[in-house]
Amino acid sequence: MTVHSEYAKLLDDAARHAHEVAQFDTDNALSLEAAYAIQAASIARRIERGERRVGVKMGFTSRAKMVQMGLSDVIWGRLTSAMQIEEGSSIAFSRYVHPRVEPEIAFVLKRDLPGDVTGPQALAAVEAIAPALEVIDSRYKDFKFTLPEVIADNASSSGFVIGAWHSPSTDFANLGLTLDIDGRTVQVGSTAALLGHPLRSLVAAARLSAQAGEPLKAGWLVMAGGATPAEWIKPGQYVSVQMEKLGSAGLSVGG
């Protein structure tokens, strides 16, 4: 077993069984290329168990976050069918290690979107847009990790819920939104926080997926990235995003 496959198994088992693992790159020596190779191998284990690839999630789409992490580009992760949560349904808190939630905007594609594309080309491939929530969950002990480690851990992506779909002709450049827990607003933001326009996140997703040999496909979802800081969640809560023009999406947190 290679080092990459060993780390992929470690992280896959941690996600499956909701347990912490120790950091394996505390000196930040792992290359980003190697980190993505571990991520790909970890997701391949899920596919072997019968899950399907359903899209891509984008991370660090805030300019401030990129600067904070010393990055010149966004990061990304892979979405599978088992990660989708039915809107309004309940998730089991016990399935996660350090669960948090963040509000996002989601795209679904009506045609393949390979390689380098312009904003208009990316928009022309969009079937619909929707408000969404992403459940993110780091599997590392004490919630401590390096950048390569978080990439290897599928960019912390663990689940997602999608609200009602709307026409992409809706202007979604700067939609106001709130993240609410039990009806109380805990974060306020805008879709403009996503690289200045969410479409730029989709363009980046097309580029990075193609570079990895996995170009975006018709029917795939693209989660454009957190529009506000993430919030910790606890059992018994109802968490929702309310987005201007697009409505809401939510989930309950069970035990």
C-alpha atoms as a PDB file:
ATOM      1  CA  MET A   1       0.000   0.000   0.000  1.00  0.00           C
ATOM      2  CA  THR A   2       1.393   3.408  -0.957  1.00  0.00           C
ATOM      3  CA  VAL A   3       1.636   6.318   1.450  1.00  0.00           C
ATOM      4  CA  HIS A   4      -1.161   8.077  -0.455  1.00  0.00           C
ATOM      5  CA  SER A   5      -3.457   5.063  -0.202  1.00  0.00           C
ATOM      6  CA  GLU A   6      -2.668   4.668   3.486  1.00  0.00           C
ATOM      7  CA  TYR A   7      -3.677   8.265   4.197  1.00  0.00           C
ATOM      8  CA  ALA A   8      -6.737   7.873   1.956  1.00  0.00           C
ATOM      9  CA  LYS A   9      -7.848   4.842   3.974  1.00  0.00           C
ATOM     10  CA  LEU A  10      -7.179   6.683   7.241  1.00  0.00           C
ATOM     11  CA  LEU A  11      -9.376   9.635   6.220  1.00  0.00           C
ATOM     12  CA  ASP A  12     -12.053   7.498   4.583  1.00  0.00           C
ATOM     13  CA  ASP A  13     -12.396   5.347   7.701  1.00  0.00           C
ATOM     14  CA  ALA A  14     -12.512   8.465   9.877  1.00  0.00           C
ATOM     15  CA  ALA A  15     -15.346   9.934   7.801  1.00  0.00           C
ATOM     16  CA  ARG A  16     -17.264   6.631   7.686  1.00  0.00           C
ATOM     17  CA  HIS A  17     -17.021   5.958  11.395  1.00  0.00           C
ATOM     18  CA  ALA A  18     -16.976   9.568  12.669  1.00  0.00           C
ATOM     19  CA  HIS A  19     -13.785   9.415  14.650  1.00  0.00           C
ATOM     20  CA  GLU A  20     -10.824  11.750  14.969  1.00  0.00           C
ATOM     21  CA  VAL A  21      -7.416  11.025  13.486  1.00  0.00           C
ATOM     22  CA  ALA A  22      -4.035  12.506  14.266  1.00  0.00           C
ATOM     23  CA  GLN A  23      -2.418  14.957  11.863  1.00  0.00           C
ATOM     24  CA  PHE A  24       0.118  13.396   9.498  1.00  0.00           C
ATOM     25  CA  ASP A  25       1.583  16.599   8.003  1.00  0.00           C
ATOM     26  CA  THR A  26       2.250  18.834  10.989  1.00  0.00           C
ATOM     27  CA  ASP A  27       5.300  20.380   9.320  1.00  0.00           C
ATOM     28  CA  ASN A  28       3.283  21.293   6.210  1.00  0.00           C
ATOM     29  CA  ALA A  29       5.665  19.317   4.001  1.00  0.00           C
ATOM     30  CA  LEU A  30       3.037  17.565   1.872  1.00  0.00           C
ATOM     31  CA  SER A  31       2.614  19.127  -1.578  1.00  0.00           C
ATOM     32  CA  LEU A  32      -0.827  20.251  -2.729  1.00  0.00           C
ATOM     33  CA  GLU A  33      -0.527  17.792  -5.618  1.00  0.00           C
ATOM     34  CA  ALA A  34      -0.004  14.952  -3.146  1.00  0.00           C
ATOM     35  CA  ALA A  35      -2.890  16.217  -0.993  1.00  0.00           C
ATOM     36  CA  TYR A  36      -5.272  16.103  -3.953  1.00  0.00           C
ATOM     37  CA  ALA A  37      -4.005  12.621  -4.831  1.00  0.00           C
ATOM     38  CA  ILE A  38      -4.944  11.473  -1.322  1.00  0.00           C
ATOM     39  CA  GLN A  39      -8.362  13.123  -1.680  1.00  0.00           C
ATOM     40  CA  ALA A  40      -8.948  11.403  -5.024  1.00  0.00           C
ATOM     41  CA  ALA A  41      -7.951   8.023  -3.592  1.00  0.00           C
ATOM     42  CA  SER A  42     -10.219   8.522  -0.588  1.00  0.00           C
ATOM     43  CA  ILE A  43     -13.208   9.362  -2.797  1.00  0.00           C
ATOM     44  CA  ALA A  44     -12.389   6.389  -5.046  1.00  0.00           C
ATOM     45  CA  ARG A  45     -12.952   4.150  -2.021  1.00  0.00           C
ATOM     46  CA  ARG A  46     -16.470   5.584  -1.708  1.00  0.00           C
ATOM     47  CA  ILE A  47     -17.165   4.996  -5.391  1.00  0.00           C
ATOM     48  CA  GLU A  48     -16.056   1.382  -4.979  1.00  0.00           C
ATOM     49  CA  ARG A  49     -18.687   1.034  -2.248  1.00  0.00           C
ATOM     50  CA  GLY A  50     -21.423   2.160  -4.651  1.00  0.00           C
ATOM     51  CA  GLU A  51     -21.567   5.932  -4.214  1.00  0.00           C
ATOM     52  CA  ARG A  52     -21.749   8.111  -7.345  1.00  0.00           C
ATOM     53  CA  ARG A  53     -19.916  11.322  -8.155  1.00  0.00           C
ATOM     54  CA  VAL A  54     -22.461  14.125  -8.296  1.00  0.00           C
ATOM     55  CA  GLY A  55     -20.289  17.218  -8.461  1.00  0.00           C
ATOM     56  CA  VAL A  56     -17.724  19.521  -6.919  1.00  0.00           C
ATOM     57  CA  LYS A  57     -17.494  21.828  -3.922  1.00  0.00           C
ATOM     58  CA  MET A  58     -15.357  24.933  -3.834  1.00  0.00           C
ATOM     59  CA  GLY A  59     -13.489  26.192  -0.783  1.00  0.00           C
ATOM     60  CA  PHE A  60     -11.620  29.303   0.345  1.00  0.00           C
ATOM     61  CA  THR A  61     -13.623  31.364  -2.167  1.00  0.00           C
ATOM     62  CA  SER A  62     -13.316  34.426   0.071  1.00  0.00           C
ATOM     63  CA  ARG A  63     -10.400  36.688  -0.887  1.00  0.00           C
ATOM     64  CA  ALA A  64      -9.742  37.360   2.789  1.00  0.00           C
ATOM     65  CA  LYS A  65      -9.559  33.615   3.510  1.00  0.00           C
ATOM     66  CA  MET A  66      -7.159  33.079   0.615  1.00  0.00           C
ATOM     67  CA  VAL A  67      -4.861  35.789   1.930  1.00  0.00           C
ATOM     68  CA  GLN A  68      -5.111  34.370   5.449  1.00  0.00           C
ATOM     69  CA  MET A  69      -4.107  30.909   4.197  1.00  0.00           C
ATOM     70  CA  GLY A  70      -1.369  32.241   1.906  1.00  0.00           C
ATOM     71  CA  LEU A  71      -3.150  30.944  -1.186  1.00  0.00           C
ATOM     72  CA  SER A  72      -3.255  32.249  -4.727  1.00  0.00           C
ATOM     73  CA  ASP A  73      -6.113  29.947  -5.715  1.00  0.00           C
ATOM     74  CA  VAL A  74      -9.245  28.354  -4.303  1.00  0.00           C
ATOM     75  CA  ILE A  75      -9.363  24.722  -3.169  1.00  0.00           C
ATOM     76  CA  TRP A  76     -11.941  22.121  -4.133  1.00  0.00           C
ATOM     77  CA  GLY A  77     -13.423  18.804  -3.114  1.00  0.00           C
ATOM     78  CA  ARG A  78     -15.583  16.079  -4.590  1.00  0.00           C
ATOM     79  CA  LEU A  79     -19.296  15.499  -3.949  1.00  0.00           C
ATOM     80  CA  THR A  80     -20.866  12.047  -3.905  1.00  0.00           C
ATOM     81  CA  SER A  81     -24.452  10.833  -3.828  1.00  0.00           C
ATOM     82  CA  ALA A  82     -24.239   9.739  -0.188  1.00  0.00           C
ATOM     83  CA  MET A  83     -23.435  13.312   0.860  1.00  0.00           C
ATOM     84  CA  GLN A  84     -26.772  14.744  -0.334  1.00  0.00           C
ATOM     85  CA  ILE A  85     -29.254  15.560   2.431  1.00  0.00           C
ATOM     86  CA  GLU A  86     -32.930  15.958   1.605  1.00  0.00           C
ATOM     87  CA  GLU A  87     -34.109  19.527   2.175  1.00  0.00           C
ATOM     88  CA  GLY A  88     -35.812  19.888   5.545  1.00  0.00           C
ATOM     89  CA  SER A  89     -34.751  16.458   6.768  1.00  0.00           C
ATOM     90  CA  SER A  90     -32.706  15.540   9.835  1.00  0.00           C
ATOM     91  CA  ILE A  91     -29.037  14.598  10.027  1.00  0.00           C
ATOM     92  CA  ALA A  92     -27.527  12.496  12.800  1.00  0.00           C
ATOM     93  CA  PHE A  93     -25.022  14.554  14.784  1.00  0.00           C
ATOM     94  CA  SER A  94     -23.277  11.313  15.722  1.00  0.00           C
ATOM     95  CA  ARG A  95     -22.239  10.835  12.078  1.00  0.00           C
ATOM     96  CA  TYR A  96     -19.819  13.752  12.330  1.00  0.00           C
ATOM     97  CA  VAL A  97     -16.694  14.680  14.259  1.00  0.00           C
ATOM     98  CA  HIS A  98     -16.570  18.506  14.254  1.00  0.00           C
ATOM     99  CA  PRO A  99     -19.663  19.497  12.228  1.00  0.00           C
ATOM    100  CA  ARG A 100     -20.266  23.038  11.087  1.00  0.00           C
ATOM    101  CA  VAL A 101     -22.543  24.515   8.442  1.00  0.00           C
ATOM    102  CA  GLU A 102     -22.187  27.359   5.951  1.00  0.00           C
ATOM    103  CA  PRO A 103     -24.583  29.004   3.473  1.00  0.00           C
ATOM    104  CA  GLU A 104     -23.844  28.691  -0.219  1.00  0.00           C
ATOM    105  CA  ILE A 105     -25.316  29.021  -3.689  1.00  0.00           C
ATOM    106  CA  ALA A 106     -25.432  25.877  -5.822  1.00  0.00           C
ATOM    107  CA  PHE A 107     -25.374  25.352  -9.582  1.00  0.00           C
ATOM    108  CA  VAL A 108     -26.623  22.353 -11.551  1.00  0.00           C
ATOM    109  CA  LEU A 109     -25.252  21.933 -15.062  1.00  0.00           C
ATOM    110  CA  LYS A 110     -27.245  21.144 -18.208  1.00  0.00           C
ATOM    111  CA  ARG A 111     -24.148  20.395 -20.282  1.00  0.00           C
ATOM    112  CA  ASP A 112     -20.532  19.408 -19.780  1.00  0.00           C
ATOM    113  CA  LEU A 113     -18.218  22.267 -18.841  1.00  0.00           C
ATOM    114  CA  PRO A 114     -14.633  21.279 -19.607  1.00  0.00           C
ATOM    115  CA  GLY A 115     -11.443  23.227 -19.133  1.00  0.00           C
ATOM    116  CA  ASP A 116     -10.877  26.964 -19.267  1.00  0.00           C
ATOM    117  CA  VAL A 117     -14.119  28.845 -19.859  1.00  0.00           C
ATOM    118  CA  THR A 118     -15.302  32.424 -19.652  1.00  0.00           C
ATOM    119  CA  GLY A 119     -18.020  33.602 -17.293  1.00  0.00           C
ATOM    120  CA  PRO A 120     -20.636  33.735 -20.078  1.00  0.00           C
ATOM    121  CA  GLN A 121     -19.665  30.246 -21.238  1.00  0.00           C
ATOM    122  CA  ALA A 122     -20.002  28.933 -17.702  1.00  0.00           C
ATOM    123  CA  LEU A 123     -23.391  30.610 -17.257  1.00  0.00           C
ATOM    124  CA  ALA A 124     -24.632  29.116 -20.544  1.00  0.00           C
ATOM    125  CA  ALA A 125     -23.975  25.640 -19.106  1.00  0.00           C
ATOM    126  CA  VAL A 126     -26.056  26.262 -15.960  1.00  0.00           C
ATOM    127  CA  GLU A 127     -29.478  24.649 -15.803  1.00  0.00           C
ATOM    128  CA  ALA A 128     -30.527  26.233 -12.506  1.00  0.00           C
ATOM    129  CA  ILE A 129     -29.331  27.868  -9.268  1.00  0.00           C
ATOM    130  CA  ALA A 130     -30.474  27.312  -5.687  1.00  0.00           C
ATOM    131  CA  PRO A 131     -29.799  28.314  -2.092  1.00  0.00           C
ATOM    132  CA  ALA A 132     -27.841  25.626  -0.285  1.00  0.00           C
ATOM    133  CA  LEU A 133     -26.163  24.612   2.943  1.00  0.00           C
ATOM    134  CA  GLU A 134     -22.949  22.654   3.227  1.00  0.00           C
ATOM    135  CA  VAL A 135     -22.112  20.549   6.259  1.00  0.00           C
ATOM    136  CA  ILE A 136     -18.358  20.660   6.721  1.00  0.00           C
ATOM    137  CA  ASP A 137     -16.510  18.396   9.108  1.00  0.00           C
ATOM    138  CA  SER A 138     -12.802  18.063   9.751  1.00  0.00           C
ATOM    139  CA  ARG A 139     -11.735  14.631  10.865  1.00  0.00           C
ATOM    140  CA  TYR A 140      -8.516  15.810  12.534  1.00  0.00           C
ATOM    141  CA  LYS A 141      -8.077  15.728  16.290  1.00  0.00           C
ATOM    142  CA  ASP A 142      -8.757  19.019  18.080  1.00  0.00           C
ATOM    143  CA  PHE A 143      -9.817  20.570  14.762  1.00  0.00           C
ATOM    144  CA  LYS A 144      -6.173  21.306  13.899  1.00  0.00           C
ATOM    145  CA  PHE A 145      -4.790  20.766  10.392  1.00  0.00           C
ATOM    146  CA  THR A 146      -2.481  22.141   7.725  1.00  0.00           C
ATOM    147  CA  LEU A 147      -3.643  23.246   4.277  1.00  0.00           C
ATOM    148  CA  PRO A 148      -2.542  19.988   2.586  1.00  0.00           C
ATOM    149  CA  GLU A 149      -4.330  18.029   5.317  1.00  0.00           C
ATOM    150  CA  VAL A 150      -7.641  19.814   4.803  1.00  0.00           C
ATOM    151  CA  ILE A 151      -7.393  19.245   1.031  1.00  0.00           C
ATOM    152  CA  ALA A 152      -6.667  15.560   1.606  1.00  0.00           C
ATOM    153  CA  ASP A 153      -9.745  15.444   3.869  1.00  0.00           C
ATOM    154  CA  ASN A 154     -11.963  16.353   0.872  1.00  0.00           C
ATOM    155  CA  ALA A 155     -11.737  20.055   1.776  1.00  0.00           C
ATOM    156  CA  SER A 156     -13.807  19.167   4.884  1.00  0.00           C
ATOM    157  CA  SER A 157     -16.907  18.553   2.758  1.00  0.00           C
ATOM    158  CA  SER A 158     -19.318  16.121   4.392  1.00  0.00           C
ATOM    159  CA  GLY A 159     -22.865  16.868   3.284  1.00  0.00           C
ATOM    160  CA  PHE A 160     -25.083  19.322   1.462  1.00  0.00           C
ATOM    161  CA  VAL A 161     -28.726  20.298   1.201  1.00  0.00           C
ATOM    162  CA  ILE A 162     -30.204  22.112  -1.796  1.00  0.00           C
ATOM    163  CA  GLY A 163     -33.263  24.361  -1.782  1.00  0.00           C
ATOM    164  CA  ALA A 164     -35.677  25.016  -4.658  1.00  0.00           C
ATOM    165  CA  TRP A 165     -34.114  25.470  -8.083  1.00  0.00           C
ATOM    166  CA  HIS A 166     -34.491  28.755  -9.971  1.00  0.00           C
ATOM    167  CA  SER A 167     -33.677  30.036 -13.435  1.00  0.00           C
ATOM    168  CA  PRO A 168     -30.070  31.190 -13.834  1.00  0.00           C
ATOM    169  CA  SER A 169     -31.442  34.283 -15.563  1.00  0.00           C
ATOM    170  CA  THR A 170     -31.981  35.599 -12.025  1.00  0.00           C
ATOM    171  CA  ASP A 171     -29.237  38.077 -11.178  1.00  0.00           C
ATOM    172  CA  PHE A 172     -27.323  36.225  -8.464  1.00  0.00           C
ATOM    173  CA  ALA A 173     -24.219  38.425  -8.326  1.00  0.00           C
ATOM    174  CA  ASN A 174     -25.048  40.103  -5.023  1.00  0.00           C
ATOM    175  CA  LEU A 175     -27.921  38.384  -3.240  1.00  0.00           C
ATOM    176  CA  GLY A 176     -28.301  39.114   0.450  1.00  0.00           C
ATOM    177  CA  LEU A 177     -28.532  36.079   2.706  1.00  0.00           C
ATOM    178  CA  THR A 178     -28.669  35.009   6.325  1.00  0.00           C
ATOM    179  CA  LEU A 179     -27.659  31.852   8.131  1.00  0.00           C
ATOM    180  CA  ASP A 180     -30.227  31.124  10.830  1.00  0.00           C
ATOM    181  CA  ILE A 181     -30.201  28.670  13.731  1.00  0.00           C
ATOM    182  CA  ASP A 182     -33.549  28.022  15.404  1.00  0.00           C
ATOM    183  CA  GLY A 183     -34.934  31.135  13.727  1.00  0.00           C
ATOM    184  CA  ARG A 184     -32.172  33.390  15.010  1.00  0.00           C
ATOM    185  CA  THR A 185     -29.826  35.011  12.496  1.00  0.00           C
ATOM    186  CA  VAL A 186     -26.218  34.119  13.296  1.00  0.00           C
ATOM    187  CA  GLN A 187     -24.503  35.232  10.061  1.00  0.00           C
ATOM    188  CA  VAL A 188     -25.331  37.838   7.421  1.00  0.00           C
ATOM    189  CA  GLY A 189     -23.672  37.896   4.016  1.00  0.00           C
ATOM    190  CA  SER A 190     -23.972  38.101   0.256  1.00  0.00           C
ATOM    191  CA  THR A 191     -23.238  35.920  -2.724  1.00  0.00           C
ATOM    192  CA  ALA A 192     -20.802  38.654  -3.796  1.00  0.00           C
ATOM    193  CA  ALA A 193     -18.444  37.278  -1.117  1.00  0.00           C
ATOM    194  CA  LEU A 194     -17.695  34.413  -3.511  1.00  0.00           C
ATOM    195  CA  LEU A 195     -14.748  35.818  -5.474  1.00  0.00           C
ATOM    196  CA  GLY A 196     -16.776  38.965  -6.126  1.00  0.00           C
ATOM    197  CA  HIS A 197     -19.320  36.954  -8.153  1.00  0.00           C
ATOM    198  CA  PRO A 198     -20.366  33.285  -7.723  1.00  0.00           C
ATOM    199  CA  LEU A 199     -19.855  32.700 -11.431  1.00  0.00           C
ATOM    200  CA  ARG A 200     -16.107  33.069 -10.887  1.00  0.00           C
ATOM    201  CA  SER A 201     -16.294  30.107  -8.523  1.00  0.00           C
ATOM    202  CA  LEU A 202     -17.953  28.023 -11.259  1.00  0.00           C
ATOM    203  CA  VAL A 203     -15.250  29.064 -13.746  1.00  0.00           C
ATOM    204  CA  ALA A 204     -12.603  27.986 -11.224  1.00  0.00           C
ATOM    205  CA  ALA A 205     -14.401  24.677 -10.663  1.00  0.00           C
ATOM    206  CA  ALA A 206     -14.345  23.964 -14.403  1.00  0.00           C
ATOM    207  CA  ARG A 207     -10.635  24.739 -14.634  1.00  0.00           C
ATOM    208  CA  LEU A 208      -9.540  22.751 -11.598  1.00  0.00           C
ATOM    209  CA  SER A 209     -11.734  19.733 -12.360  1.00  0.00           C
ATOM    210  CA  ALA A 210     -10.413  19.565 -15.910  1.00  0.00           C
ATOM    211  CA  GLN A 211      -6.823  19.835 -14.667  1.00  0.00           C
ATOM    212  CA  ALA A 212      -7.513  16.817 -12.451  1.00  0.00           C
ATOM    213  CA  GLY A 213      -8.811  14.843 -15.447  1.00  0.00           C
ATOM    214  CA  GLU A 214     -12.395  14.997 -14.141  1.00  0.00           C
ATOM    215  CA  PRO A 215     -14.123  17.739 -16.191  1.00  0.00           C
ATOM    216  CA  LEU A 216     -17.516  18.926 -14.976  1.00  0.00           C
ATOM    217  CA  LYS A 217     -20.376  16.872 -16.408  1.00  0.00           C
ATOM    218  CA  ALA A 218     -23.990  17.581 -17.299  1.00  0.00           C
ATOM    219  CA  GLY A 219     -26.159  16.971 -14.245  1.00  0.00           C
ATOM    220  CA  TRP A 220     -23.369  17.668 -11.772  1.00  0.00           C
ATOM    221  CA  LEU A 221     -23.744  20.093  -8.896  1.00  0.00           C
ATOM    222  CA  VAL A 222     -21.227  22.785  -8.070  1.00  0.00           C
ATOM    223  CA  MET A 223     -21.309  24.211  -4.551  1.00  0.00           C
ATOM    224  CA  ALA A 224     -19.830  27.683  -4.964  1.00  0.00           C
ATOM    225  CA  GLY A 225     -18.311  28.092  -1.482  1.00  0.00           C
ATOM    226  CA  GLY A 226     -19.249  29.548   1.879  1.00  0.00           C
ATOM    227  CA  ALA A 227     -20.764  33.023   1.689  1.00  0.00           C
ATOM    228  CA  THR A 228     -20.229  33.613   5.437  1.00  0.00           C
ATOM    229  CA  PRO A 229     -18.044  32.079   8.141  1.00  0.00           C
ATOM    230  CA  ALA A 230     -19.188  28.591   9.144  1.00  0.00           C
ATOM    231  CA  GLU A 231     -21.172  28.010  12.331  1.00  0.00           C
ATOM    232  CA  TRP A 232     -20.887  25.094  14.728  1.00  0.00           C
ATOM    233  CA  ILE A 233     -24.043  22.999  14.998  1.00  0.00           C
ATOM    234  CA  LYS A 234     -25.502  21.002  17.883  1.00  0.00           C
ATOM    235  CA  PRO A 235     -28.192  18.332  18.324  1.00  0.00           C
ATOM    236  CA  GLY A 236     -31.719  19.693  18.435  1.00  0.00           C
ATOM    237  CA  GLN A 237     -31.097  22.691  16.184  1.00  0.00           C
ATOM    238  CA  TYR A 238     -32.793  23.682  12.929  1.00  0.00           C
ATOM    239  CA  VAL A 239     -30.358  25.378  10.569  1.00  0.00           C
ATOM    240  CA  SER A 240     -31.372  27.300   7.454  1.00  0.00           C
ATOM    241  CA  VAL A 241     -30.188  29.734   4.826  1.00  0.00           C
ATOM    242  CA  GLN A 242     -32.527  32.499   3.684  1.00  0.00           C
ATOM    243  CA  MET A 243     -31.450  33.962   0.355  1.00  0.00           C
ATOM    244  CA  GLU A 244     -32.826  36.990  -1.446  1.00  0.00           C
ATOM    245  CA  LYS A 245     -34.901  36.015  -4.527  1.00  0.00           C
ATOM    246  CA  LEU A 246     -34.087  32.305  -4.156  1.00  0.00           C
ATOM    247  CA  GLY A 247     -35.801  31.341  -0.907  1.00  0.00           C
ATOM    248  CA  SER A 248     -34.426  28.960   1.682  1.00  0.00           C
ATOM    249  CA  ALA A 249     -32.890  25.587   2.444  1.00  0.00           C
ATOM    250  CA  GLY A 250     -32.648  23.913   5.814  1.00  0.00           C
ATOM    251  CA  LEU A 251     -31.990  20.842   7.887  1.00  0.00           C
ATOM    252  CA  SER A 252     -32.558  19.577  11.419  1.00  0.00           C
ATOM    253  CA  VAL A 253     -29.773  18.247  13.606  1.00  0.00           C
ATOM    254  CA  GLY A 254     -30.645  15.018  15.383  1.00  0.00           C
ATOM    255  CA  GLY A 255     -28.699  13.194  18.045  1.00  0.00           C
END
